[in-house]
């Protein structure tokens, strides 16, 4: 089934067979796709059915379990659609069961996004069991669903068998120590997963066991490129273990340690591994407490040793002008760092002047920094530029402008300019 018009007709036929009215959201999305198709044919199609799409007016009801059953019946017969985005829908464990059955039956789906729905451990079990039988899915996002510790254990078990999934987002799903340790242990042997998000688990211990397990995993893992450990209660001890093991890692390119409790001592060890690590390109230390000393440790490495780091996030780290000026001075000698985010620190006059000079000489681009200089009575100050930042559009993204979500830009092309 390669033609888009046949896909629309097939959906309408499935609705008739099941005695269900076509869902207005699905029809609106398919109509947009028809308008965007010049010849009426597409090699593949991404179905963007987000429940919070602001460009569909009037706003249709969000997809629920009943329509998920019809949707999956239709998709099981459709080879054209490779990606489904069902974020912010009203899918419970029952609706996710239909998605899981589709995963088992369809050899074409490559990406599924069910973030911020209403399913829990049972729904996670359905998806995990389906992953054990699926060989096409590359990306799965289910952040924001409270699957709990047992749900995380189900996915750890699935990763023992599945060898094709490349990206798994389990952020804000109420994982606990047991499921985190299980995931880290599985990744000692899994060589297909490239990105893992386990942000904001519910930890009952301050011993940093989970950080230690992920650190030891990173020492031997050769496939993982992106790891998010936000809100893991990581302290200087955990940062030290991570740093010692990352010296042996040559594949990780993105490490997110934001919203932890790392101070200057942990930053010193992080700076030490930056001397030797040649793969890391993005490091997010936002919302920690590295202070001036920690910033100076990192600045010294950036100015003398590291030539691979491209993005650094140090927002809200209790850094004053002393530490920020050290970073700014290091950038005059460093040629690799392209993006830096510093808002939330104490931006005094010297710091504002230093970063304005970097912008004026072209060393930093305004789109790659989260502050923007302006002058008042001849004094340089900084204002926040919140359209820039690391992981900024995680749960929501704008529909217009340079930072518009790619999924929504397609809708804009189909909407007349005077009706936007």
Protein backbone atom coordinates (compact mmCIF):
# COMPACT_ATOMS: atom_id res chain seq x y z
CA UNK A 1 0.00 0.00 0.00
CA UNK A 2 2.19 2.79 -1.27
CA UNK A 3 -0.22 5.60 -2.17
CA UNK A 4 -1.35 8.10 0.41
CA UNK A 5 -4.91 8.24 -0.89
CA UNK A 6 -5.22 4.49 -0.51
CA UNK A 7 -4.05 4.82 3.09
CA UNK A 8 -6.87 7.29 3.84
CA UNK A 9 -9.45 5.03 2.21
CA UNK A 10 -8.14 2.04 4.15
CA UNK A 11 -8.60 3.87 7.45
CA UNK A 12 -12.17 4.83 6.57
CA UNK A 13 -12.93 1.23 5.61
CA UNK A 14 -11.55 -0.11 8.90
CA UNK A 15 -13.74 2.36 10.80
CA UNK A 16 -16.81 1.14 8.91
CA UNK A 17 -15.95 -2.48 9.62
CA UNK A 18 -15.69 -1.72 13.34
CA UNK A 19 -18.74 0.55 13.36
CA UNK A 20 -16.69 3.50 14.65
CA UNK A 21 -16.69 7.06 13.37
CA UNK A 22 -13.31 8.15 11.92
CA UNK A 23 -11.46 10.09 14.60
CA UNK A 24 -11.32 13.81 13.66
CA UNK A 25 -7.67 14.10 14.73
CA UNK A 26 -6.58 11.25 12.46
CA UNK A 27 -8.61 12.61 9.55
CA UNK A 28 -7.19 16.12 10.07
CA UNK A 29 -3.62 14.78 10.03
CA UNK A 30 -4.24 12.64 6.94
CA UNK A 31 -5.84 15.59 5.14
CA UNK A 32 -2.78 17.69 5.86
CA UNK A 33 -0.56 14.95 4.48
CA UNK A 34 -2.68 14.78 1.33
CA UNK A 35 -2.29 18.52 0.80
CA UNK A 36 1.48 18.27 1.23
CA UNK A 37 1.79 15.42 -1.24
CA UNK A 38 2.29 16.72 -4.77
CA UNK A 39 1.86 13.40 -6.55
CA UNK A 40 -0.26 11.59 -3.98
CA UNK A 41 2.50 9.11 -3.21
CA UNK A 42 5.04 8.82 -0.43
CA UNK A 43 7.73 6.29 0.34
CA UNK A 44 7.08 6.59 4.08
CA UNK A 45 4.98 8.65 6.44
CA UNK A 46 5.23 9.81 10.06
CA UNK A 47 1.83 9.98 11.72
CA UNK A 48 1.81 12.91 14.16
CA UNK A 49 -1.26 12.40 16.37
CA UNK A 50 -0.20 14.43 19.42
CA UNK A 51 -3.10 15.31 21.66
CA UNK A 52 -1.75 18.82 22.20
CA UNK A 53 -1.24 19.86 18.56
CA UNK A 54 -2.04 23.61 18.58
CA UNK A 55 -2.35 23.86 14.79
CA UNK A 56 -5.50 21.74 14.46
CA UNK A 57 -8.60 23.86 15.05
CA UNK A 58 -11.11 23.27 16.41
CA UNK A 59 -9.19 21.09 18.84
CA UNK A 60 -10.37 17.48 18.40
CA UNK A 61 -10.70 15.04 21.32
CA UNK A 62 -7.58 13.11 22.20
CA UNK A 63 -7.21 9.51 21.14
CA UNK A 64 -8.48 6.97 23.66
CA UNK A 65 -8.39 3.18 23.95
CA UNK A 66 -11.36 2.59 21.63
CA UNK A 67 -9.83 4.52 18.77
CA UNK A 68 -6.41 3.01 19.48
CA UNK A 69 -7.88 -0.40 18.65
CA UNK A 70 -9.12 0.84 15.26
CA UNK A 71 -5.89 2.71 14.62
CA UNK A 72 -3.75 -0.37 15.21
CA UNK A 73 -6.00 -2.55 13.07
CA UNK A 74 -5.53 -0.07 10.23
CA UNK A 75 -1.78 0.31 10.74
CA UNK A 76 -1.33 -3.44 10.72
CA UNK A 77 -2.33 -3.36 7.04
CA UNK A 78 -0.32 -0.25 6.12
CA UNK A 79 3.29 -0.37 5.02
CA UNK A 80 3.58 3.36 4.38
CA UNK A 81 3.56 4.58 8.00
CA UNK A 82 6.88 4.09 9.78
CA UNK A 83 6.47 6.41 12.78
CA UNK A 84 3.58 7.09 15.20
CA UNK A 85 3.48 9.97 17.66
CA UNK A 86 0.71 9.57 20.25
CA UNK A 87 2.05 11.92 22.90
CA UNK A 88 -0.49 13.51 25.27
CA UNK A 89 -3.26 11.09 24.35
CA UNK A 90 -5.56 9.25 26.76
CA UNK A 91 -4.18 5.74 26.35
CA UNK A 92 -4.38 3.42 29.36
CA UNK A 93 -2.97 -0.09 29.77
CA UNK A 94 -5.76 -1.40 27.53
CA UNK A 95 -4.89 0.97 24.68
CA UNK A 96 -1.17 0.22 24.98
CA UNK A 97 -2.00 -3.49 24.56
CA UNK A 98 -3.19 -2.68 21.02
CA UNK A 99 0.06 -0.81 20.34
CA UNK A 100 2.04 -3.80 21.61
CA UNK A 101 0.07 -6.19 19.38
CA UNK A 102 0.83 -3.90 16.44
CA UNK A 103 4.54 -4.07 17.25
CA UNK A 104 4.42 -7.85 17.08
CA UNK A 105 2.50 -7.91 13.79
CA UNK A 106 4.07 -5.01 11.87
CA UNK A 107 7.60 -5.28 10.45
CA UNK A 108 7.56 -1.65 9.30
CA UNK A 109 7.26 0.57 12.39
CA UNK A 110 10.51 2.27 13.33
CA UNK A 111 9.46 4.85 15.95
CA UNK A 112 6.71 5.08 18.58
CA UNK A 113 6.13 7.99 20.95
CA UNK A 114 3.59 7.44 23.74
CA UNK A 115 4.96 9.97 26.23
CA UNK A 116 2.60 11.48 28.79
CA UNK A 117 -0.30 9.08 28.45
CA UNK A 118 -2.05 7.26 31.28
CA UNK A 119 -0.65 3.73 31.38
CA UNK A 120 1.43 2.04 34.05
CA UNK A 121 3.23 -1.20 34.83
CA UNK A 122 0.85 -3.43 32.87
CA UNK A 123 1.16 -1.32 29.74
CA UNK A 124 4.95 -1.34 30.09
CA UNK A 125 4.87 -5.13 30.34
CA UNK A 126 2.86 -5.35 27.11
CA UNK A 127 5.36 -3.12 25.27
CA UNK A 128 8.40 -4.91 26.69
CA UNK A 129 7.08 -8.33 25.70
CA UNK A 130 6.35 -7.02 22.21
CA UNK A 131 9.91 -5.70 21.92
CA UNK A 132 11.22 -9.22 22.45
CA UNK A 133 9.45 -10.27 19.23
CA UNK A 134 10.01 -7.10 17.20
CA UNK A 135 12.98 -6.41 14.93
CA UNK A 136 12.04 -3.13 13.26
CA UNK A 137 11.54 -0.56 16.04
CA UNK A 138 14.45 1.86 16.49
CA UNK A 139 13.05 4.50 18.88
CA UNK A 140 10.61 4.22 21.80
CA UNK A 141 9.59 7.14 24.04
CA UNK A 142 7.34 6.57 27.05
CA UNK A 143 8.56 9.25 29.45
CA UNK A 144 5.97 10.68 31.78
CA UNK A 145 4.07 7.40 32.25
CA UNK A 146 4.28 5.95 35.75
CA UNK A 147 5.45 2.44 34.91
CA UNK A 148 7.32 2.10 38.21
CA UNK A 149 10.12 -0.25 39.19
CA UNK A 150 8.52 -3.38 37.73
CA UNK A 151 7.93 -1.63 34.43
CA UNK A 152 11.62 -0.78 34.24
CA UNK A 153 12.51 -4.40 35.00
CA UNK A 154 10.35 -5.54 32.08
CA UNK A 155 12.33 -3.31 29.71
CA UNK A 156 15.62 -4.53 31.12
CA UNK A 157 14.49 -8.06 30.31
CA UNK A 158 13.44 -6.98 26.81
CA UNK A 159 16.87 -5.47 26.12
CA UNK A 160 18.43 -8.85 26.79
CA UNK A 161 16.66 -10.18 23.70
CA UNK A 162 15.96 -7.21 21.44
CA UNK A 163 18.96 -6.26 19.30
CA UNK A 164 17.50 -3.50 17.12
CA UNK A 165 16.17 -0.82 19.50
CA UNK A 166 18.52 2.18 19.43
CA UNK A 167 16.79 4.80 21.60
CA UNK A 168 14.78 4.25 24.80
CA UNK A 169 13.32 7.07 26.90
CA UNK A 170 12.23 6.06 30.41
CA UNK A 171 12.55 9.51 31.97
CA UNK A 172 10.06 10.53 34.68
CA UNK A 173 8.56 7.04 34.88
CA UNK A 174 9.16 6.45 38.60
CA UNK A 175 11.97 3.93 38.15
CA UNK A 176 13.65 2.72 41.33
CA UNK A 177 17.02 1.33 42.32
CA UNK A 178 16.32 -2.25 41.23
CA UNK A 179 15.22 -1.37 37.69
CA UNK A 180 18.11 1.07 37.22
CA UNK A 181 20.66 -1.54 38.27
CA UNK A 182 19.00 -4.06 35.95
CA UNK A 183 19.18 -1.65 33.00
CA UNK A 184 22.83 -0.85 33.70
CA UNK A 185 23.65 -4.55 33.97
CA UNK A 186 21.94 -5.41 30.68
CA UNK A 187 23.91 -2.68 28.91
CA UNK A 188 27.11 -4.48 29.82
CA UNK A 189 26.18 -6.88 27.01
CA UNK A 190 23.65 -5.07 24.80
CA UNK A 191 25.46 -3.61 21.79
CA UNK A 192 22.55 -2.00 19.93
CA UNK A 193 21.12 0.68 22.24
CA UNK A 194 22.60 4.10 21.48
CA UNK A 195 20.52 6.45 23.66
CA UNK A 196 19.01 5.90 27.13
CA UNK A 197 17.08 8.36 29.28
CA UNK A 198 16.45 7.38 32.92
CA UNK A 199 15.87 10.86 34.37
CA UNK A 200 14.26 11.44 37.75
CA UNK A 201 14.04 7.99 39.35
CA UNK A 202 12.61 7.53 42.84
CA UNK A 203 15.67 6.65 44.93
CA UNK A 204 15.44 5.77 48.60
CA UNK A 205 19.19 5.61 49.26
CA UNK A 206 21.93 8.22 49.21
CA UNK A 207 24.68 5.68 48.58
CA UNK A 208 24.77 6.35 44.80
CA UNK A 209 24.58 2.64 43.94
CA UNK A 210 22.87 3.33 40.62
CA UNK A 211 25.48 5.88 39.56
CA UNK A 212 28.19 3.34 40.32
CA UNK A 213 26.52 0.67 38.19
CA UNK A 214 26.12 3.05 35.23
CA UNK A 215 29.75 4.12 35.62
CA UNK A 216 31.03 0.55 35.46
CA UNK A 217 28.77 -0.11 32.49
CA UNK A 218 30.24 2.85 30.61
CA UNK A 219 33.72 1.44 31.06
CA UNK A 220 32.94 -1.59 28.87
CA UNK A 221 29.94 -0.53 26.75
CA UNK A 222 30.83 0.22 23.12
CA UNK A 223 27.47 1.25 21.67
CA UNK A 224 25.85 3.82 23.98
CA UNK A 225 26.24 7.36 22.67
CA UNK A 226 23.75 9.28 24.83
CA UNK A 227 22.99 8.88 28.54
CA UNK A 228 20.70 11.03 30.68
CA UNK A 229 21.14 10.79 34.46
CA UNK A 230 19.25 13.91 35.54
CA UNK A 231 18.01 14.05 39.16
CA UNK A 232 19.88 10.95 40.31
CA UNK A 233 21.10 12.51 43.56
CA UNK A 234 24.63 12.17 42.20
CA UNK A 235 27.23 13.75 44.48
CA UNK A 236 31.00 14.14 44.25
CA UNK A 237 31.58 10.46 44.94
CA UNK A 238 29.35 9.46 42.03
CA UNK A 239 30.94 12.06 39.77
CA UNK A 240 34.36 10.66 40.68
CA UNK A 241 33.37 7.07 39.81
CA UNK A 242 31.83 8.22 36.53
CA UNK A 243 34.95 10.18 35.64
CA UNK A 244 37.33 7.32 36.41
CA UNK A 245 35.39 4.92 34.19
CA UNK A 246 34.69 7.38 31.37
CA UNK A 247 38.43 7.63 30.73
CA UNK A 248 38.09 4.18 29.14
CA UNK A 249 34.97 5.00 27.13
CA UNK A 250 35.33 6.04 23.49
CA UNK A 251 31.74 6.05 22.24
CA UNK A 252 29.65 8.24 24.59
CA UNK A 253 29.03 11.65 23.02
CA UNK A 254 26.28 13.11 25.27
CA UNK A 255 26.25 12.94 29.09
CA UNK A 256 23.50 14.64 31.07
CA UNK A 257 24.28 15.09 34.78
CA UNK A 258 22.02 18.07 35.36
CA UNK A 259 19.97 18.63 38.53
CA UNK A 260 22.30 16.66 40.78
CA UNK A 261 24.48 17.64 43.77
CA UNK A 262 27.92 17.84 42.22
CA UNK A 263 30.22 20.45 43.79
CA UNK A 264 33.71 21.72 42.99
CA UNK A 265 35.33 18.41 44.01
CA UNK A 266 33.22 16.44 41.58
CA UNK A 267 33.87 19.05 38.88
CA UNK A 268 37.61 18.60 39.45
CA UNK A 269 37.36 14.90 38.61
CA UNK A 270 35.12 15.62 35.63
CA UNK A 271 37.72 18.05 34.35
CA UNK A 272 40.36 15.36 34.80
CA UNK A 273 38.55 12.87 32.56
CA UNK A 274 37.97 15.61 29.96
CA UNK A 275 41.74 15.65 29.51
CA UNK A 276 41.70 12.09 28.21
CA UNK A 277 38.20 11.42 26.87
CA UNK A 278 38.11 11.99 23.12
CA UNK A 279 34.47 11.16 22.32
CA UNK A 280 32.29 13.32 24.58
CA UNK A 281 30.80 16.26 22.69
CA UNK A 282 27.94 17.40 24.97
CA UNK A 283 28.23 17.72 28.75
CA UNK A 284 25.31 19.03 30.80
CA UNK A 285 26.16 20.02 34.38
CA UNK A 286 23.26 22.45 34.76
CA UNK A 287 21.73 22.97 38.21
CA UNK A 288 24.57 21.59 40.28
CA UNK A 289 26.89 23.47 42.67
CA UNK A 290 30.31 23.48 41.05
CA UNK A 291 30.85 27.19 41.93
CA UNK A 292 33.91 29.21 40.84
CA UNK A 293 36.47 26.54 41.66
CA UNK A 294 34.66 23.93 39.59
CA UNK A 295 34.29 26.34 36.67
CA UNK A 296 38.01 27.14 36.82
CA UNK A 297 38.92 23.43 36.75
CA UNK A 298 36.84 22.97 33.61
CA UNK A 299 38.14 26.20 32.07
CA UNK A 300 41.74 25.08 32.50
CA UNK A 301 41.05 21.85 30.62
CA UNK A 302 39.12 23.64 27.87
CA UNK A 303 41.94 26.11 27.36
CA UNK A 304 44.81 23.61 27.34
CA UNK A 305 43.74 20.03 26.66
CA UNK A 306 40.25 19.24 25.43
CA UNK A 307 39.56 19.71 21.71
CA UNK A 308 36.42 17.59 21.34
CA UNK A 309 33.75 19.05 23.66
CA UNK A 310 31.27 21.08 21.59
CA UNK A 311 28.49 21.92 24.08
CA UNK A 312 28.68 22.74 27.79
CA UNK A 313 25.75 23.44 30.12
CA UNK A 314 26.60 25.08 33.46
CA UNK A 315 23.41 27.04 34.19
CA UNK A 316 22.46 27.63 37.85
CA UNK A 317 25.72 26.47 39.40
CA UNK A 318 26.46 29.24 41.91
CA UNK A 319 29.26 30.55 39.67
CA UNK A 320 30.24 34.21 39.97
CA UNK A 321 32.05 36.43 37.51
CA UNK A 322 35.40 34.91 38.55
CA UNK A 323 34.53 31.44 37.30
CA UNK A 324 32.60 32.64 34.26
CA UNK A 325 35.46 34.89 33.16
CA UNK A 326 37.78 31.89 33.41
CA UNK A 327 35.46 29.99 31.04
CA UNK A 328 35.28 32.97 28.68
CA UNK A 329 39.07 33.33 28.61
CA UNK A 330 39.46 29.61 27.92
CA UNK A 331 37.22 29.95 24.87
CA UNK A 332 39.78 32.27 23.28
CA UNK A 333 42.18 29.33 23.09
CA UNK A 334 39.64 26.57 22.56
CA UNK A 335 38.25 26.12 19.05
CA UNK A 336 35.90 23.16 19.52
CA UNK A 337 33.30 24.46 22.00
CA UNK A 338 30.43 25.99 20.01
CA UNK A 339 27.58 26.14 22.55
CA UNK A 340 27.61 27.21 26.19
CA UNK A 341 24.75 27.90 28.58
CA UNK A 342 25.41 30.03 31.68
CA UNK A 343 22.12 31.64 32.76
CA UNK A 344 21.22 31.32 36.45
CA UNK A 345 24.70 32.19 37.71
CA UNK A 346 25.89 35.55 39.08
CA UNK A 347 26.52 37.51 35.91
CA UNK A 348 28.52 40.55 37.02
CA UNK A 349 29.93 43.33 34.86
CA UNK A 350 33.24 41.58 34.07
CA UNK A 351 31.48 38.38 33.01
CA UNK A 352 28.98 40.22 30.82
CA UNK A 353 31.79 42.13 29.12
CA UNK A 354 33.84 38.97 28.55
CA UNK A 355 31.01 37.07 26.86
CA UNK A 356 29.94 40.12 24.86
CA UNK A 357 33.46 40.31 23.47
CA UNK A 358 33.30 36.65 22.47
CA UNK A 359 30.04 37.33 20.64
CA UNK A 360 31.39 40.49 19.00
CA UNK A 361 34.46 38.74 17.58
CA UNK A 362 32.35 35.86 16.29
CA UNK A 363 33.70 33.24 18.72
CA UNK A 364 30.15 32.58 19.98
CA UNK A 365 26.89 32.78 18.05
CA UNK A 366 23.83 34.20 19.79
CA UNK A 367 21.84 31.12 18.83
CA UNK A 368 24.35 28.95 20.73
CA UNK A 369 24.21 30.75 24.08
CA UNK A 370 21.32 31.36 26.47
CA UNK A 371 22.11 35.01 27.25
CA UNK A 372 22.05 38.14 25.13
CA UNK A 373 24.06 41.29 25.90
CA UNK A 374 22.58 44.76 26.07
CA UNK A 375 23.89 48.12 27.32
CA UNK A 376 22.37 50.48 29.89
CA UNK A 377 24.15 53.80 30.38
CA UNK A 378 27.27 52.29 28.89
CA UNK A 379 27.24 49.24 31.20
CA UNK A 380 26.99 45.80 29.59
CA UNK A 381 24.36 43.51 31.09
CA UNK A 382 22.83 40.20 30.08
CA UNK A 383 19.25 39.13 29.51
CA UNK A 384 18.05 35.54 29.28
CA UNK A 385 17.55 33.98 25.86
CA UNK A 386 15.26 31.10 26.78
CA UNK A 387 14.76 29.93 23.22
CA UNK A 388 18.20 28.34 23.48
CA UNK A 389 19.28 25.57 25.82
CA UNK A 390 20.09 21.93 26.24
CA UNK A 391 17.13 19.56 26.17
CA UNK A 392 14.87 22.61 26.34
CA UNK A 393 11.98 21.37 24.21
CA UNK A 394 11.71 17.98 25.89
CA UNK A 395 8.03 17.98 26.82
CA UNK A 396 6.80 20.77 24.59
CA UNK A 397 8.03 22.74 21.62
CA UNK A 398 6.88 25.85 19.74
CA UNK A 399 4.86 25.64 16.54
CA UNK A 400 6.40 28.74 14.99
CA UNK A 401 9.82 30.30 14.54
CA UNK A 402 13.32 28.90 14.17
CA UNK A 403 12.82 26.43 17.04
CA UNK A 404 9.54 24.98 15.77
CA UNK A 405 9.16 21.24 16.11
CA UNK A 406 9.85 19.48 12.81
CA UNK A 407 6.53 17.65 13.10
CA UNK A 408 4.63 20.93 13.30
CA UNK A 409 6.44 22.65 10.45
CA UNK A 410 4.72 20.21 8.10
CA UNK A 411 1.33 21.46 9.33
CA UNK A 412 2.41 25.07 8.83
CA UNK A 413 3.13 24.39 5.18
CA UNK A 414 -0.46 23.23 4.72
CA UNK A 415 -2.06 26.17 6.57
CA UNK A 416 -2.69 29.38 4.59
CA UNK A 417 -0.61 32.31 5.82
CA UNK A 418 -3.65 34.49 6.58
CA UNK A 419 -5.28 31.84 8.80
CA UNK A 420 -2.33 31.17 11.11
